Amino acid sequence: MKTPYLIHVPKDRPTLREKVEAFKKEHAIWTDRCAGMRPEEWPWTAMFLPTRTRIIPYVPEGVTDPVEIIGYAGCWMDDAGWIKHGVSERHAIRLLCEANGLDSPM
């Protein structure tokens, strides 16, 4: 059974997690954590999911999985600054935003 609160605190603003998810959705950012890596190895990856018009020469038609996109166009996306690694999800997103001139919510 869930422990009740003594007072009801209304939720009047979004949590940090909700802000991060909204920001990722708005800017088409995909994040993933490589399980088993230690924090000093920068286990989090953040990348922009490219549009079809930008990656047509690199990725075959119908490929939408982010891991497959990295397989086809990873070097090009890395050179363009569309892929960054960090010690946490927010750190990776912050580095991605800094490299591309976006204001991040973190």
Protein backbone atom coordinates (compact mmCIF):
# COMPACT_ATOMS: atom_id res chain seq x y z
CA MET A 1 0.00 0.00 0.00
CA LYS A 2 1.27 3.44 -0.92
CA THR A 3 1.99 5.74 2.04
CA PRO A 4 -0.29 8.79 1.89
CA TYR A 5 1.10 12.30 2.10
CA LEU A 6 0.16 14.46 5.10
CA ILE A 7 -0.71 17.30 2.78
CA HIS A 8 -1.60 17.34 -0.88
CA VAL A 9 0.98 19.20 -2.94
CA PRO A 10 -0.42 20.08 -6.35
CA LYS A 11 1.83 19.56 -9.32
CA ASP A 12 2.09 23.02 -10.86
CA ARG A 13 5.19 22.58 -13.00
CA PRO A 14 6.85 19.77 -14.93
CA THR A 15 9.62 17.69 -13.39
CA LEU A 16 13.14 17.75 -14.79
CA ARG A 17 12.57 14.33 -16.40
CA GLU A 18 9.46 15.68 -18.17
CA LYS A 19 11.41 18.75 -19.35
CA VAL A 20 14.19 16.56 -20.71
CA GLU A 21 11.75 14.26 -22.53
CA ALA A 22 9.87 17.23 -24.04
CA PHE A 23 13.17 18.78 -25.18
CA LYS A 24 14.29 15.49 -26.76
CA LYS A 25 10.99 15.16 -28.59
CA GLU A 26 11.00 18.77 -29.78
CA HIS A 27 14.53 18.54 -31.24
CA ALA A 28 14.42 14.88 -32.37
CA ILE A 29 17.18 13.78 -29.99
CA TRP A 30 17.74 10.08 -29.28
CA THR A 31 19.66 8.91 -26.22
CA ASP A 32 20.93 5.51 -25.19
CA ARG A 33 23.09 4.06 -22.43
CA CYS A 34 25.65 1.36 -23.09
CA ALA A 35 25.12 -1.06 -20.24
CA GLY A 36 28.23 -2.27 -18.49
CA MET A 37 30.31 0.82 -19.10
CA ARG A 38 31.63 2.75 -16.11
CA PRO A 39 30.82 6.48 -15.79
CA GLU A 40 34.40 7.49 -16.55
CA GLU A 41 34.00 5.77 -19.95
CA TRP A 42 31.11 8.12 -20.90
CA PRO A 43 28.41 5.48 -21.40
CA TRP A 44 25.61 7.77 -22.62
CA THR A 45 25.12 8.65 -26.28
CA ALA A 46 22.94 11.50 -27.54
CA MET A 47 22.34 12.14 -31.23
CA PHE A 48 20.04 14.05 -33.51
CA LEU A 49 17.79 11.77 -35.50
CA PRO A 50 18.48 13.06 -39.00
CA THR A 51 15.75 13.80 -41.51
CA ARG A 52 15.53 11.88 -44.77
CA THR A 53 16.55 14.94 -46.80
CA ARG A 54 19.88 15.25 -44.96
CA ILE A 55 21.01 11.62 -45.05
CA ILE A 56 19.68 10.21 -48.32
CA PRO A 57 23.19 9.56 -49.73
CA TYR A 58 24.22 7.68 -46.59
CA VAL A 59 21.24 5.60 -45.44
CA PRO A 60 19.03 3.28 -47.51
CA GLU A 61 15.33 4.07 -47.78
CA GLY A 62 13.23 2.60 -44.96
CA VAL A 63 15.96 2.54 -42.29
CA THR A 64 14.58 4.26 -39.17
CA ASP A 65 16.28 2.49 -36.27
CA PRO A 66 18.84 4.86 -34.65
CA VAL A 67 21.43 2.10 -34.28
CA GLU A 68 21.18 1.23 -37.99
CA ILE A 69 21.42 4.92 -38.89
CA ILE A 70 24.65 5.13 -36.88
CA GLY A 71 25.90 2.07 -38.74
CA TYR A 72 25.38 3.68 -42.13
CA ALA A 73 26.12 7.36 -41.40
CA GLY A 74 27.89 7.37 -38.03
CA CYS A 75 31.19 8.82 -39.23
CA TRP A 76 29.46 11.57 -41.16
CA MET A 77 27.15 12.37 -38.21
CA ASP A 78 30.09 12.38 -35.80
CA ASP A 79 32.02 14.78 -38.05
CA ALA A 80 28.93 17.00 -38.25
CA GLY A 81 28.65 17.08 -34.44
CA TRP A 82 25.35 15.19 -34.37
CA ILE A 83 26.61 12.48 -31.97
CA LYS A 84 28.03 13.20 -28.51
CA HIS A 85 28.90 11.02 -25.51
CA GLY A 86 28.58 11.89 -21.82
CA VAL A 87 28.72 10.53 -18.28
CA SER A 88 24.94 10.93 -17.92
CA GLU A 89 22.02 11.42 -20.27
CA ARG A 90 21.76 15.12 -19.42
CA HIS A 91 25.52 15.58 -19.87
CA ALA A 92 25.40 14.00 -23.33
CA ILE A 93 22.43 16.18 -24.32
CA ARG A 94 24.17 19.29 -22.99
CA LEU A 95 27.32 18.52 -25.04
CA LEU A 96 25.20 17.88 -28.14
CA CYS A 97 23.39 21.20 -27.69
CA GLU A 98 26.63 23.11 -27.09
CA ALA A 99 28.15 21.67 -30.27
CA ASN A 100 25.10 22.65 -32.33
CA GLY A 101 24.24 26.04 -30.84
CA LEU A 102 21.06 25.04 -28.99
CA ASP A 103 20.01 26.21 -25.54
CA SER A 104 19.55 23.08 -23.43
CA PRO A 105 17.18 22.92 -20.45
CA MET A 106 19.90 21.36 -18.25
